[in-house]
PDB file of N, CA and C in Angstrom:
ATOM      1  N   MET A   1      98.872 117.186 133.116  1.00  0.00           N
ATOM      2  CA  MET A   1      98.803 117.161 131.668  1.00  0.00           C
ATOM      3  C   MET A   1      98.894 115.720 131.199  1.00  0.00           C
ATOM      4  N   LYS A   2      98.036 115.354 130.277  1.00  0.00           N
ATOM      5  CA  LYS A   2      98.051 114.027 129.689  1.00  0.00           C
ATOM      6  C   LYS A   2      99.079 113.984 128.562  1.00  0.00           C
ATOM      7  N   ASN A   3      99.901 112.935 128.556  1.00  0.00           N
ATOM      8  CA  ASN A   3     100.863 112.712 127.485  1.00  0.00           C
ATOM      9  C   ASN A   3     100.422 111.494 126.695  1.00  0.00           C
ATOM     10  N   ILE A   4     100.209 111.702 125.411  1.00  0.00           N
ATOM     11  CA  ILE A   4      99.723 110.642 124.534  1.00  0.00           C
ATOM     12  C   ILE A   4     100.702 110.481 123.373  1.00  0.00           C
ATOM     13  N   THR A   5     100.983 109.246 123.012  1.00  0.00           N
ATOM     14  CA  THR A   5     101.779 108.955 121.823  1.00  0.00           C
ATOM     15  C   THR A   5     100.840 108.343 120.788  1.00  0.00           C
ATOM     16  N   LEU A   6     100.764 108.975 119.623  1.00  0.00           N
ATOM     17  CA  LEU A   6      99.936 108.501 118.514  1.00  0.00           C
ATOM     18  C   LEU A   6     100.845 107.854 117.483  1.00  0.00           C
ATOM     19  N   VAL A   7     100.438 106.711 116.978  1.00  0.00           N
ATOM     20  CA  VAL A   7     101.256 105.955 116.028  1.00  0.00           C
ATOM     21  C   VAL A   7     100.551 105.854 114.689  1.00  0.00           C
ATOM     22  N   ALA A   8     101.285 106.171 113.630  1.00  0.00           N
ATOM     23  CA  ALA A   8     100.783 106.002 112.262  1.00  0.00           C
ATOM     24  C   ALA A   8     101.927 105.496 111.396  1.00  0.00           C
ATOM     25  N   GLY A   9     101.592 104.666 110.445  1.00  0.00           N
ATOM     26  CA  GLY A   9     102.647 104.147 109.590  1.00  0.00           C
ATOM     27  C   GLY A   9     102.199 103.827 108.178  1.00  0.00           C
ATOM     28  N   ALA A  10     100.891 103.766 107.958  1.00  0.00           N
ATOM     29  CA  ALA A  10     100.364 103.406 106.645  1.00  0.00           C
ATOM     30  C   ALA A  10      99.064 104.180 106.416  1.00  0.00           C
ATOM     31  N   LEU A  11      98.637 104.225 105.175  1.00  0.00           N
ATOM     32  CA  LEU A  11      97.476 105.025 104.796  1.00  0.00           C
ATOM     33  C   LEU A  11      96.264 104.841 105.719  1.00  0.00           C
ATOM     34  N   PRO A  12      95.846 103.622 106.055  1.00  0.00           N
ATOM     35  CA  PRO A  12      94.678 103.496 106.943  1.00  0.00           C
ATOM     36  C   PRO A  12      94.899 104.206 108.282  1.00  0.00           C
ATOM     37  N   ASN A  13      96.149 104.179 108.788  1.00  0.00           N
ATOM     38  CA  ASN A  13      96.465 104.858 110.048  1.00  0.00           C
ATOM     39  C   ASN A  13      96.311 106.362 109.915  1.00  0.00           C
ATOM     40  N   PHE A  14      96.821 106.925 108.825  1.00  0.00           N
ATOM     41  CA  PHE A  14      96.797 108.379 108.649  1.00  0.00           C
ATOM     42  C   PHE A  14      95.367 108.896 108.640  1.00  0.00           C
ATOM     43  N   MET A  15      94.488 108.169 107.985  1.00  0.00           N
ATOM     44  CA  MET A  15      93.096 108.602 107.893  1.00  0.00           C
ATOM     45  C   MET A  15      92.430 108.603 109.272  1.00  0.00           C
ATOM     46  N   LYS A  16      92.697 107.601 110.082  1.00  0.00           N
ATOM     47  CA  LYS A  16      92.104 107.515 111.421  1.00  0.00           C
ATOM     48  C   LYS A  16      92.751 108.514 112.385  1.00  0.00           C
ATOM     49  N   ILE A  17      94.061 108.634 112.324  1.00  0.00           N
ATOM     50  CA  ILE A  17      94.778 109.481 113.263  1.00  0.00           C
ATOM     51  C   ILE A  17      94.450 110.957 113.033  1.00  0.00           C
ATOM     52  N   ALA A  18      94.100 111.326 111.798  1.00  0.00           N
ATOM     53  CA  ALA A  18      93.753 112.721 111.497  1.00  0.00           C
ATOM     54  C   ALA A  18      92.580 113.179 112.358  1.00  0.00           C
ATOM     55  N   HIS A  19      91.562 112.356 112.495  1.00  0.00           N
ATOM     56  CA  HIS A  19      90.394 112.700 113.311  1.00  0.00           C
ATOM     57  C   HIS A  19      90.792 112.890 114.778  1.00  0.00           C
ATOM     58  N   ILE A  20      91.678 112.045 115.246  1.00  0.00           N
ATOM     59  CA  ILE A  20      92.113 112.118 116.640  1.00  0.00           C
ATOM     60  C   ILE A  20      92.911 113.396 116.884  1.00  0.00           C
ATOM     61  N   ILE A  21      93.820 113.713 115.975  1.00  0.00           N
ATOM     62  CA  ILE A  21      94.620 114.935 116.115  1.00  0.00           C
ATOM     63  C   ILE A  21      93.728 116.167 116.076  1.00  0.00           C
ATOM     64  N   HIS A  22      92.765 116.183 115.176  1.00  0.00           N
ATOM     65  CA  HIS A  22      91.861 117.334 115.100  1.00  0.00           C
ATOM     66  C   HIS A  22      91.051 117.470 116.392  1.00  0.00           C
ATOM     67  N   ALA A  23      90.644 116.361 116.988  1.00  0.00           N
ATOM     68  CA  ALA A  23      89.901 116.403 118.248  1.00  0.00           C
ATOM     69  C   ALA A  23      90.801 116.899 119.389  1.00  0.00           C
ATOM     70  N   ILE A  24      92.056 116.487 119.393  1.00  0.00           N
ATOM     71  CA  ILE A  24      92.992 116.967 120.412  1.00  0.00           C
ATOM     72  C   ILE A  24      93.179 118.472 120.287  1.00  0.00           C
ATOM     73  N   HIS A  25      93.374 118.950 119.055  1.00  0.00           N
ATOM     74  CA  HIS A  25      93.556 120.387 118.840  1.00  0.00           C
ATOM     75  C   HIS A  25      92.324 121.171 119.295  1.00  0.00           C
ATOM     76  N   LYS A  26      91.145 120.640 119.039  1.00  0.00           N
ATOM     77  CA  LYS A  26      89.908 121.290 119.466  1.00  0.00           C
ATOM     78  C   LYS A  26      89.835 121.329 120.998  1.00  0.00           C
ATOM     79  N   ALA A  27      90.194 120.233 121.634  1.00  0.00           N
ATOM     80  CA  ALA A  27      90.188 120.179 123.100  1.00  0.00           C
ATOM     81  C   ALA A  27      91.204 121.158 123.685  1.00  0.00           C
ATOM     82  N   GLN A  28      92.364 121.273 123.024  1.00  0.00           N
ATOM     83  CA  GLN A  28      93.380 122.216 123.487  1.00  0.00           C
ATOM     84  C   GLN A  28      92.864 123.649 123.403  1.00  0.00           C
ATOM     85  N   LEU A  29      92.144 123.958 122.354  1.00  0.00           N
ATOM     86  CA  LEU A  29      91.566 125.294 122.214  1.00  0.00           C
ATOM     87  C   LEU A  29      90.544 125.559 123.311  1.00  0.00           C
ATOM     88  N   GLY A  30      89.912 124.500 123.782  1.00  0.00           N
ATOM     89  CA  GLY A  30      88.936 124.613 124.865  1.00  0.00           C
ATOM     90  C   GLY A  30      89.563 124.607 126.250  1.00  0.00           C
ATOM     91  N   GLY A  31      90.885 124.590 126.307  1.00  0.00           N
ATOM     92  CA  GLY A  31      91.578 124.667 127.586  1.00  0.00           C
ATOM     93  C   GLY A  31      92.070 123.354 128.161  1.00  0.00           C
ATOM     94  N   LYS A  32      91.833 122.239 127.485  1.00  0.00           N
ATOM     95  CA  LYS A  32      92.312 120.942 127.977  1.00  0.00           C
ATOM     96  C   LYS A  32      93.833 120.867 127.808  1.00  0.00           C
ATOM     97  N   LYS A  33      94.475 120.277 128.778  1.00  0.00           N
ATOM     98  CA  LYS A  33      95.927 120.130 128.733  1.00  0.00           C
ATOM     99  C   LYS A  33      96.259 118.726 128.231  1.00  0.00           C
ATOM    100  N   ILE A  34      96.449 118.627 126.936  1.00  0.00           N
ATOM    101  CA  ILE A  34      96.786 117.356 126.299  1.00  0.00           C
ATOM    102  C   ILE A  34      98.046 117.583 125.473  1.00  0.00           C
ATOM    103  N   ASN A  35      99.051 116.810 125.764  1.00  0.00           N
ATOM    104  CA  ASN A  35     100.292 116.867 125.019  1.00  0.00           C
ATOM    105  C   ASN A  35     100.407 115.566 124.234  1.00  0.00           C
ATOM    106  N   TYR A  36     100.722 115.656 122.966  1.00  0.00           N
ATOM    107  CA  TYR A  36     100.860 114.425 122.182  1.00  0.00           C
ATOM    108  C   TYR A  36     102.102 114.460 121.324  1.00  0.00           C
ATOM    109  N   ARG A  37     102.571 113.269 121.018  1.00  0.00           N
ATOM    110  CA  ARG A  37     103.655 113.092 120.050  1.00  0.00           C
ATOM    111  C   ARG A  37     103.112 112.196 118.953  1.00  0.00           C
ATOM    112  N   LEU A  38     103.306 112.610 117.725  1.00  0.00           N
ATOM    113  CA  LEU A  38     102.913 111.809 116.573  1.00  0.00           C
ATOM    114  C   LEU A  38     104.150 111.089 116.062  1.00  0.00           C
ATOM    115  N   ILE A  39     104.067 109.779 116.034  1.00  0.00           N
ATOM    116  CA  ILE A  39     105.180 108.957 115.583  1.00  0.00           C
ATOM    117  C   ILE A  39     104.792 108.279 114.278  1.00  0.00           C
ATOM    118  N   HIS A  40     105.622 108.481 113.268  1.00  0.00           N
ATOM    119  CA  HIS A  40     105.441 107.824 111.976  1.00  0.00           C
ATOM    120  C   HIS A  40     106.431 106.666 111.961  1.00  0.00           C
ATOM    121  N   THR A  41     105.938 105.464 111.811  1.00  0.00           N
ATOM    122  CA  THR A  41     106.840 104.309 111.828  1.00  0.00           C
ATOM    123  C   THR A  41     107.670 104.200 110.560  1.00  0.00           C
ATOM    124  N   GLY A  42     107.206 104.845 109.500  1.00  0.00           N
ATOM    125  CA  GLY A  42     107.922 104.747 108.238  1.00  0.00           C
ATOM    126  C   GLY A  42     107.569 103.497 107.456  1.00  0.00           C
ATOM    127  N   GLN A  43     106.526 102.792 107.881  1.00  0.00           N
ATOM    128  CA  GLN A  43     106.116 101.588 107.150  1.00  0.00           C
ATOM    129  C   GLN A  43     105.856 101.943 105.690  1.00  0.00           C
ATOM    130  N   HIS A  44     105.108 103.013 105.452  1.00  0.00           N
ATOM    131  CA  HIS A  44     104.968 103.553 104.103  1.00  0.00           C
ATOM    132  C   HIS A  44     105.820 104.807 104.067  1.00  0.00           C
ATOM    133  N   PHE A  45     106.883 104.760 103.297  1.00  0.00           N
ATOM    134  CA  PHE A  45     107.876 105.823 103.332  1.00  0.00           C
ATOM    135  C   PHE A  45     107.898 106.682 102.078  1.00  0.00           C
ATOM    136  N   ASP A  46     107.224 106.257 101.032  1.00  0.00           N
ATOM    137  CA  ASP A  46     107.161 107.019  99.800  1.00  0.00           C
ATOM    138  C   ASP A  46     106.223 108.216  99.987  1.00  0.00           C
ATOM    139  N   HIS A  47     106.571 109.366  99.412  1.00  0.00           N
ATOM    140  CA  HIS A  47     105.756 110.575  99.572  1.00  0.00           C
ATOM    141  C   HIS A  47     104.310 110.348  99.128  1.00  0.00           C
ATOM    142  N   THR A  48     104.123 109.573  98.059  1.00  0.00           N
ATOM    143  CA  THR A  48     102.760 109.349  97.565  1.00  0.00           C
ATOM    144  C   THR A  48     101.955 108.436  98.485  1.00  0.00           C
ATOM    145  N   MET A  49     102.628 107.662  99.319  1.00  0.00           N
ATOM    146  CA  MET A  49     101.933 106.763 100.249  1.00  0.00           C
ATOM    147  C   MET A  49     101.906 107.311 101.673  1.00  0.00           C
ATOM    148  N   SER A  50     102.559 108.447 101.886  1.00  0.00           N
ATOM    149  CA  SER A  50     102.670 108.944 103.251  1.00  0.00           C
ATOM    150  C   SER A  50     102.614 110.464 103.304  1.00  0.00           C
ATOM    151  N   GLY A  51     103.660 111.126 102.854  1.00  0.00           N
ATOM    152  CA  GLY A  51     103.790 112.569 103.003  1.00  0.00           C
ATOM    153  C   GLY A  51     102.631 113.381 102.482  1.00  0.00           C
ATOM    154  N   LYS A  52     102.127 113.027 101.320  1.00  0.00           N
ATOM    155  CA  LYS A  52     101.033 113.814 100.755  1.00  0.00           C
ATOM    156  C   LYS A  52      99.764 113.702 101.595  1.00  0.00           C
ATOM    157  N   PHE A  53      99.597 112.592 102.318  1.00  0.00           N
ATOM    158  CA  PHE A  53      98.404 112.433 103.154  1.00  0.00           C
ATOM    159  C   PHE A  53      98.474 113.315 104.396  1.00  0.00           C
ATOM    160  N   PHE A  54      99.673 113.593 104.879  1.00  0.00           N
ATOM    161  CA  PHE A  54      99.806 114.528 105.997  1.00  0.00           C
ATOM    162  C   PHE A  54      99.287 115.894 105.569  1.00  0.00           C
ATOM    163  N   GLU A  55      99.628 116.288 104.359  1.00  0.00           N
ATOM    164  CA  GLU A  55      99.169 117.582 103.831  1.00  0.00           C
ATOM    165  C   GLU A  55      97.659 117.559 103.597  1.00  0.00           C
ATOM    166  N   GLU A  56      97.178 116.556 102.894  1.00  0.00           N
ATOM    167  CA  GLU A  56      95.765 116.496 102.523  1.00  0.00           C
ATOM    168  C   GLU A  56      94.837 116.333 103.721  1.00  0.00           C
ATOM    169  N   LEU A  57      95.282 115.633 104.750  1.00  0.00           N
ATOM    170  CA  LEU A  57      94.456 115.399 105.933  1.00  0.00           C
ATOM    171  C   LEU A  57      94.702 116.435 107.028  1.00  0.00           C
ATOM    172  N   ASP A  58      95.558 117.409 106.741  1.00  0.00           N
ATOM    173  CA  ASP A  58      95.890 118.479 107.683  1.00  0.00           C
ATOM    174  C   ASP A  58      96.430 117.907 108.993  1.00  0.00           C
ATOM    175  N   ILE A  59      97.415 117.022 108.854  1.00  0.00           N
ATOM    176  CA  ILE A  59      98.100 116.428 109.994  1.00  0.00           C
ATOM    177  C   ILE A  59      99.475 117.088 110.083  1.00  0.00           C
ATOM    178  N   PRO A  60      99.905 117.471 111.288  1.00  0.00           N
ATOM    179  CA  PRO A  60     101.244 118.063 111.399  1.00  0.00           C
ATOM    180  C   PRO A  60     102.328 117.038 111.098  1.00  0.00           C
ATOM    181  N   GLU A  61     103.500 117.536 110.775  1.00  0.00           N
ATOM    182  CA  GLU A  61     104.635 116.630 110.562  1.00  0.00           C
ATOM    183  C   GLU A  61     104.850 115.821 111.842  1.00  0.00           C
ATOM    184  N   PRO A  62     105.230 114.553 111.699  1.00  0.00           N
ATOM    185  CA  PRO A  62     105.442 113.739 112.895  1.00  0.00           C
ATOM    186  C   PRO A  62     106.612 114.256 113.729  1.00  0.00           C
ATOM    187  N   HIS A  63     106.537 114.017 115.018  1.00  0.00           N
ATOM    188  CA  HIS A  63     107.630 114.386 115.912  1.00  0.00           C
ATOM    189  C   HIS A  63     108.845 113.491 115.677  1.00  0.00           C
ATOM    190  N   ASN A  64     108.581 112.270 115.232  1.00  0.00           N
ATOM    191  CA  ASN A  64     109.659 111.325 114.960  1.00  0.00           C
ATOM    192  C   ASN A  64     109.207 110.398 113.845  1.00  0.00           C
ATOM    193  N   ASN A  65     110.113 110.110 112.926  1.00  0.00           N
ATOM    194  CA  ASN A  65     109.875 109.120 111.884  1.00  0.00           C
ATOM    195  C   ASN A  65     110.870 107.993 112.126  1.00  0.00           C
ATOM    196  N   LEU A  66     110.362 106.818 112.417  1.00  0.00           N
ATOM    197  CA  LEU A  66     111.222 105.680 112.738  1.00  0.00           C
ATOM    198  C   LEU A  66     111.936 105.118 111.515  1.00  0.00           C
ATOM    199  N   GLU A  67     111.507 105.524 110.330  1.00  0.00           N
ATOM    200  CA  GLU A  67     112.159 105.149 109.060  1.00  0.00           C
ATOM    201  C   GLU A  67     112.431 103.652 108.971  1.00  0.00           C
ATOM    202  N   SER A  68     111.403 102.871 109.166  1.00  0.00           N
ATOM    203  CA  SER A  68     111.574 101.414 109.188  1.00  0.00           C
ATOM    204  C   SER A  68     110.915 100.722 107.996  1.00  0.00           C
ATOM    205  N   GLY A  69     110.793 101.404 106.879  1.00  0.00           N
ATOM    206  CA  GLY A  69     110.033 100.891 105.763  1.00  0.00           C
ATOM    207  C   GLY A  69     110.700  99.898 104.845  1.00  0.00           C
ATOM    208  N   VAL A  70     111.987  99.708 104.926  1.00  0.00           N
ATOM    209  CA  VAL A  70     112.684  98.833 103.993  1.00  0.00           C
ATOM    210  C   VAL A  70     112.813  97.439 104.593  1.00  0.00           C
ATOM    211  N   GLY A  71     112.659  96.422 103.748  1.00  0.00           N
ATOM    212  CA  GLY A  71     112.876  95.054 104.189  1.00  0.00           C
ATOM    213  C   GLY A  71     111.614  94.224 104.173  1.00  0.00           C
ATOM    214  N   THR A  72     111.755  92.995 104.598  1.00  0.00           N
ATOM    215  CA  THR A  72     110.619  92.085 104.676  1.00  0.00           C
ATOM    216  C   THR A  72     109.704  92.527 105.821  1.00  0.00           C
ATOM    217  N   GLN A  73     108.537  91.919 105.896  1.00  0.00           N
ATOM    218  CA  GLN A  73     107.619  92.257 106.982  1.00  0.00           C
ATOM    219  C   GLN A  73     108.258  91.960 108.339  1.00  0.00           C
ATOM    220  N   ALA A  74     108.992  90.877 108.448  1.00  0.00           N
ATOM    221  CA  ALA A  74     109.669  90.536 109.700  1.00  0.00           C
ATOM    222  C   ALA A  74     110.726  91.582 110.039  1.00  0.00           C
ATOM    223  N   GLU A  75     111.478  92.027 109.041  1.00  0.00           N
ATOM    224  CA  GLU A  75     112.496  93.049 109.275  1.00  0.00           C
ATOM    225  C   GLU A  75     111.856  94.373 109.672  1.00  0.00           C
ATOM    226  N   GLN A  76     110.765  94.742 108.995  1.00  0.00           N
ATOM    227  CA  GLN A  76     110.047  95.965 109.360  1.00  0.00           C
ATOM    228  C   GLN A  76     109.548  95.894 110.799  1.00  0.00           C
ATOM    229  N   THR A  77     108.949  94.773 111.155  1.00  0.00           N
ATOM    230  CA  THR A  77     108.417  94.607 112.509  1.00  0.00           C
ATOM    231  C   THR A  77     109.526  94.761 113.546  1.00  0.00           C
ATOM    232  N   ALA A  78     110.640  94.103 113.320  1.00  0.00           N
ATOM    233  CA  ALA A  78     111.768  94.190 114.255  1.00  0.00           C
ATOM    234  C   ALA A  78     112.295  95.618 114.343  1.00  0.00           C
ATOM    235  N   ASN A  79     112.461  96.274 113.197  1.00  0.00           N
ATOM    236  CA  ASN A  79     112.961  97.653 113.191  1.00  0.00           C
ATOM    237  C   ASN A  79     112.008  98.602 113.921  1.00  0.00           C
ATOM    238  N   ILE A  80     110.723  98.440 113.664  1.00  0.00           N
ATOM    239  CA  ILE A  80     109.733  99.294 114.330  1.00  0.00           C
ATOM    240  C   ILE A  80     109.808  99.086 115.836  1.00  0.00           C
ATOM    241  N   MET A  81     109.853  97.837 116.274  1.00  0.00           N
ATOM    242  CA  MET A  81     109.869  97.562 117.709  1.00  0.00           C
ATOM    243  C   MET A  81     111.117  98.127 118.381  1.00  0.00           C
ATOM    244  N   ILE A  82     112.259  97.953 117.773  1.00  0.00           N
ATOM    245  CA  ILE A  82     113.513  98.464 118.345  1.00  0.00           C
ATOM    246  C   ILE A  82     113.487  99.983 118.413  1.00  0.00           C
ATOM    247  N   ARG A  83     113.075 100.618 117.333  1.00  0.00           N
ATOM    248  CA  ARG A  83     113.081 102.079 117.279  1.00  0.00           C
ATOM    249  C   ARG A  83     111.971 102.694 118.131  1.00  0.00           C
ATOM    250  N   PHE A  84     110.810 102.035 118.199  1.00  0.00           N
ATOM    251  CA  PHE A  84     109.723 102.563 119.011  1.00  0.00           C
ATOM    252  C   PHE A  84     110.038 102.416 120.498  1.00  0.00           C
ATOM    253  N   GLU A  85     110.698 101.332 120.872  1.00  0.00           N
ATOM    254  CA  GLU A  85     111.111 101.182 122.264  1.00  0.00           C
ATOM    255  C   GLU A  85     112.017 102.341 122.668  1.00  0.00           C
ATOM    256  N   LYS A  86     112.959 102.687 121.834  1.00  0.00           N
ATOM    257  CA  LYS A  86     113.857 103.819 122.107  1.00  0.00           C
ATOM    258  C   LYS A  86     113.054 105.113 122.232  1.00  0.00           C
ATOM    259  N   GLU A  87     112.079 105.318 121.343  1.00  0.00           N
ATOM    260  CA  GLU A  87     111.214 106.502 121.384  1.00  0.00           C
ATOM    261  C   GLU A  87     110.490 106.592 122.727  1.00  0.00           C
ATOM    262  N   LEU A  88     109.909 105.491 123.173  1.00  0.00           N
ATOM    263  CA  LEU A  88     109.150 105.499 124.424  1.00  0.00           C
ATOM    264  C   LEU A  88     110.051 105.690 125.645  1.00  0.00           C
ATOM    265  N   LEU A  89     111.254 105.158 125.599  1.00  0.00           N
ATOM    266  CA  LEU A  89     112.174 105.346 126.717  1.00  0.00           C
ATOM    267  C   LEU A  89     112.654 106.795 126.794  1.00  0.00           C
ATOM    268  N   GLU A  90     112.834 107.434 125.640  1.00  0.00           N
ATOM    269  CA  GLU A  90     113.283 108.828 125.605  1.00  0.00           C
ATOM    270  C   GLU A  90     112.143 109.810 125.865  1.00  0.00           C
ATOM    271  N   HIS A  91     110.914 109.402 125.542  1.00  0.00           N
ATOM    272  CA  HIS A  91     109.736 110.269 125.691  1.00  0.00           C
ATOM    273  C   HIS A  91     108.622 109.480 126.370  1.00  0.00           C
ATOM    274  N   PRO A  92     108.699 109.333 127.697  1.00  0.00           N
ATOM    275  CA  PRO A  92     107.669 108.574 128.418  1.00  0.00           C
ATOM    276  C   PRO A  92     106.265 109.137 128.154  1.00  0.00           C
ATOM    277  N   THR A  93     105.297 108.259 128.151  1.00  0.00           N
ATOM    278  CA  THR A  93     103.928 108.633 127.841  1.00  0.00           C
ATOM    279  C   THR A  93     102.969 107.895 128.760  1.00  0.00           C
ATOM    280  N   GLU A  94     101.783 108.417 128.882  1.00  0.00           N
ATOM    281  CA  GLU A  94     100.765 107.761 129.685  1.00  0.00           C
ATOM    282  C   GLU A  94      99.899 106.824 128.849  1.00  0.00           C
ATOM    283  N   LEU A  95      99.881 107.069 127.548  1.00  0.00           N
ATOM    284  CA  LEU A  95      99.012 106.301 126.661  1.00  0.00           C
ATOM    285  C   LEU A  95      99.632 106.221 125.276  1.00  0.00           C
ATOM    286  N   VAL A  96      99.634 105.023 124.719  1.00  0.00           N
ATOM    287  CA  VAL A  96     100.020 104.838 123.314  1.00  0.00           C
ATOM    288  C   VAL A  96      98.753 104.463 122.573  1.00  0.00           C
ATOM    289  N   LEU A  97      98.463 105.217 121.535  1.00  0.00           N
ATOM    290  CA  LEU A  97      97.257 104.975 120.755  1.00  0.00           C
ATOM    291  C   LEU A  97      97.648 104.532 119.353  1.00  0.00           C
ATOM    292  N   VAL A  98      97.272 103.297 119.014  1.00  0.00           N
ATOM    293  CA  VAL A  98      97.486 102.764 117.673  1.00  0.00           C
ATOM    294  C   VAL A  98      96.117 102.531 117.048  1.00  0.00           C
ATOM    295  N   VAL A  99      96.027 102.709 115.759  1.00  0.00           N
ATOM    296  CA  VAL A  99      94.752 102.530 115.061  1.00  0.00           C
ATOM    297  C   VAL A  99      94.947 101.609 113.868  1.00  0.00           C
ATOM    298  N   ARG A 100      93.890 100.874 113.563  1.00  0.00           N
ATOM    299  CA  ARG A 100      93.862  99.953 112.430  1.00  0.00           C
ATOM    300  C   ARG A 100      94.753  98.749 112.659  1.00  0.00           C
ATOM    301  N   ASP A 101      94.921  97.959 111.615  1.00  0.00           N
ATOM    302  CA  ASP A 101      95.573  96.659 111.758  1.00  0.00           C
ATOM    303  C   ASP A 101      96.650  96.446 110.706  1.00  0.00           C
ATOM    304  N   VAL A 102      97.738  97.157 110.860  1.00  0.00           N
ATOM    305  CA  VAL A 102      98.873  96.996 109.955  1.00  0.00           C
ATOM    306  C   VAL A 102     100.100  96.620 110.783  1.00  0.00           C
ATOM    307  N   THR A 103     101.188  96.312 110.120  1.00  0.00           N
ATOM    308  CA  THR A 103     102.421  95.918 110.795  1.00  0.00           C
ATOM    309  C   THR A 103     102.819  96.930 111.859  1.00  0.00           C
ATOM    310  N   SER A 104     102.721  98.212 111.539  1.00  0.00           N
ATOM    311  CA  SER A 104     103.107  99.276 112.476  1.00  0.00           C
ATOM    312  C   SER A 104     102.348  99.192 113.785  1.00  0.00           C
ATOM    313  N   THR A 105     101.045  99.010 113.697  1.00  0.00           N
ATOM    314  CA  THR A 105     100.239  99.016 114.914  1.00  0.00           C
ATOM    315  C   THR A 105     100.515  97.775 115.760  1.00  0.00           C
ATOM    316  N   MET A 106     100.700  96.649 115.119  1.00  0.00           N
ATOM    317  CA  MET A 106     101.000  95.428 115.847  1.00  0.00           C
ATOM    318  C   MET A 106     102.338  95.566 116.565  1.00  0.00           C
ATOM    319  N   ALA A 107     103.353  96.034 115.873  1.00  0.00           N
ATOM    320  CA  ALA A 107     104.688  96.162 116.459  1.00  0.00           C
ATOM    321  C   ALA A 107     104.700  97.174 117.601  1.00  0.00           C
ATOM    322  N   CYS A 108     104.031  98.292 117.431  1.00  0.00           N
ATOM    323  CA  CYS A 108     104.011  99.322 118.472  1.00  0.00           C
ATOM    324  C   CYS A 108     103.158  98.910 119.664  1.00  0.00           C
ATOM    325  N   ALA A 109     102.071  98.205 119.417  1.00  0.00           N
ATOM    326  CA  ALA A 109     101.231  97.730 120.523  1.00  0.00           C
ATOM    327  C   ALA A 109     102.000  96.733 121.387  1.00  0.00           C
ATOM    328  N   ILE A 110     102.717  95.834 120.773  1.00  0.00           N
ATOM    329  CA  ILE A 110     103.518  94.860 121.525  1.00  0.00           C
ATOM    330  C   ILE A 110     104.603  95.584 122.329  1.00  0.00           C
ATOM    331  N   THR A 111     105.263  96.541 121.707  1.00  0.00           N
ATOM    332  CA  THR A 111     106.341  97.279 122.379  1.00  0.00           C
ATOM    333  C   THR A 111     105.792  98.066 123.569  1.00  0.00           C
ATOM    334  N   ALA A 112     104.680  98.757 123.376  1.00  0.00           N
ATOM    335  CA  ALA A 112     104.082  99.535 124.471  1.00  0.00           C
ATOM    336  C   ALA A 112     103.669  98.613 125.617  1.00  0.00           C
ATOM    337  N   GLN A 113     103.087  97.479 125.299  1.00  0.00           N
ATOM    338  CA  GLN A 113     102.671  96.519 126.322  1.00  0.00           C
ATOM    339  C   GLN A 113     103.882  96.011 127.081  1.00  0.00           C
ATOM    340  N   LYS A 114     104.942  95.711 126.351  1.00  0.00           N
ATOM    341  CA  LYS A 114     106.168  95.217 126.969  1.00  0.00           C
ATOM    342  C   LYS A 114     106.718  96.224 127.969  1.00  0.00           C
ATOM    343  N   LEU A 115     106.628  97.506 127.644  1.00  0.00           N
ATOM    344  CA  LEU A 115     107.115  98.562 128.542  1.00  0.00           C
ATOM    345  C   LEU A 115     106.044  98.999 129.541  1.00  0.00           C
ATOM    346  N   GLN A 116     104.873  98.383 129.466  1.00  0.00           N
ATOM    347  CA  GLN A 116     103.737  98.686 130.335  1.00  0.00           C
ATOM    348  C   GLN A 116     103.338 100.157 130.272  1.00  0.00           C
ATOM    349  N   THR A 117     103.286 100.674 129.048  1.00  0.00           N
ATOM    350  CA  THR A 117     102.871 102.056 128.819  1.00  0.00           C
ATOM    351  C   THR A 117     101.375 102.120 128.695  1.00  0.00           C
TER     352      THR A 117
END
């Protein structure tokens, strides 16, 4: 079984990740064994910037919300990296998939690379 960690934290991420989740669900219906965890970094934490898009894009609730949205960009980056490292250590994965170019994706990509995920 493939284990994939999907990362989303801001509106551009949610729009891209929705297509990926829908494709995974379709593959699962076809018998593919794909297990995924959806991680919300919390970069956008307001319901109007985050929660409502999960509903509108038909994305399931995230398995974990890192809740790292408060603070400067440097503080957000540090919080995301610390919390995402803990997530990956507790839930090993074969692949981390980040989309688009926001603070969340940069922080998670660096963390995954550091752990050689």
